[in-house]
Amino acid sequence: MPTFHDLRIRRRELLDELEQMEATVAELTAMLDGIAEPIPAEFAEHYEHRAWLQRQQAGVLVILSETERALLEFGADDWDEV
């Protein structure tokens, strides 16, 4: 079973990963905004990459939720300050 310290580290890693994904999705979205249907071939890969990243984000959110649930079991209120 992971320790409280291990869970805090994992939570921070997940939050950092999520932040990076969100930034990349925002960049791709800004680039793809205004592109009309049908999607030009040169942008199809960007659309696919953004969709893949969004699925990865959902997975990270699930793991983050499970990590935070495990942290709650330790009974601490402020996970970053302990």
Protein backbone atom coordinates (compact mmCIF):
# COMPACT_ATOMS: atom_id res chain seq x y z
CA MET A 1 0.00 0.00 0.00
CA PRO A 2 1.37 3.42 -0.91
CA THR A 3 2.31 5.78 1.88
CA PHE A 4 0.79 9.21 2.39
CA HIS A 5 4.00 10.76 1.04
CA ASP A 6 3.90 8.52 -2.08
CA LEU A 7 0.30 9.51 -2.72
CA ARG A 8 1.10 13.22 -2.37
CA ILE A 9 3.94 12.87 -4.87
CA ARG A 10 1.73 10.92 -7.29
CA ARG A 11 -1.02 13.55 -6.96
CA ARG A 12 1.44 16.34 -7.80
CA GLU A 13 2.73 14.36 -10.82
CA LEU A 14 -0.82 13.80 -12.06
CA LEU A 15 -1.71 17.47 -11.67
CA ASP A 16 1.43 18.46 -13.61
CA GLU A 17 0.64 15.94 -16.34
CA LEU A 18 -2.94 17.18 -16.55
CA GLU A 19 -1.74 20.78 -16.81
CA GLN A 20 0.60 19.90 -19.69
CA MET A 21 -2.17 18.04 -21.51
CA GLU A 22 -4.59 20.92 -21.05
CA ALA A 23 -2.03 23.37 -22.47
CA THR A 24 -1.44 21.17 -25.51
CA VAL A 25 -5.17 20.68 -26.09
CA ALA A 26 -5.65 24.47 -25.86
CA GLU A 27 -2.87 25.03 -28.43
CA LEU A 28 -4.36 22.48 -30.81
CA THR A 29 -7.84 23.91 -30.35
CA ALA A 30 -6.60 27.43 -31.10
CA MET A 31 -4.86 26.16 -34.23
CA LEU A 32 -7.90 24.16 -35.38
CA ASP A 33 -10.55 26.80 -34.64
CA GLY A 34 -12.18 28.07 -37.77
CA ILE A 35 -11.19 25.16 -39.99
CA ALA A 36 -14.22 24.28 -42.05
CA GLU A 37 -15.55 20.82 -42.81
CA PRO A 38 -14.41 18.68 -44.47
CA ILE A 39 -11.20 18.66 -42.50
CA PRO A 40 -8.19 19.21 -44.76
CA ALA A 41 -5.78 16.27 -44.74
CA GLU A 42 -2.95 18.34 -43.27
CA PHE A 43 -5.06 19.00 -40.16
CA ALA A 44 -6.53 15.51 -39.71
CA GLU A 45 -3.55 14.36 -37.65
CA HIS A 46 -3.94 17.37 -35.34
CA TYR A 47 -7.62 16.53 -34.79
CA GLU A 48 -6.72 12.92 -34.02
CA HIS A 49 -3.96 13.99 -31.65
CA ARG A 50 -6.31 16.36 -29.81
CA ALA A 51 -8.94 13.62 -29.48
CA TRP A 52 -6.29 11.20 -28.16
CA LEU A 53 -5.09 13.81 -25.64
CA GLN A 54 -8.64 14.39 -24.46
CA ARG A 55 -9.06 10.66 -23.84
CA GLN A 56 -5.76 10.64 -21.94
CA GLN A 57 -6.98 13.57 -19.85
CA ALA A 58 -10.06 11.60 -18.88
CA GLY A 59 -7.85 8.71 -17.76
CA VAL A 60 -5.61 11.00 -15.73
CA LEU A 61 -8.67 12.52 -14.06
CA VAL A 62 -9.85 9.05 -13.03
CA ILE A 63 -6.44 8.17 -11.57
CA LEU A 64 -6.24 11.56 -9.86
CA SER A 65 -9.66 11.00 -8.33
CA GLU A 66 -8.62 7.58 -7.02
CA THR A 67 -5.39 9.05 -5.63
CA GLU A 68 -7.28 11.81 -3.85
CA ARG A 69 -9.74 9.27 -2.46
CA ALA A 70 -6.80 7.31 -1.06
CA LEU A 71 -5.41 10.52 0.45
CA LEU A 72 -8.76 11.16 2.13
CA GLU A 73 -8.43 7.80 3.84
CA PHE A 74 -5.40 9.22 5.67
CA GLY A 75 -7.67 11.93 7.06
CA ALA A 76 -5.49 14.90 6.12
CA ASP A 77 -7.25 18.02 4.87
CA ASP A 78 -4.31 19.83 3.26
CA TRP A 79 -2.38 17.35 1.13
CA ASP A 80 0.25 19.81 -0.08
CA GLU A 81 1.21 21.21 3.32
CA VAL A 82 1.75 18.08 5.43
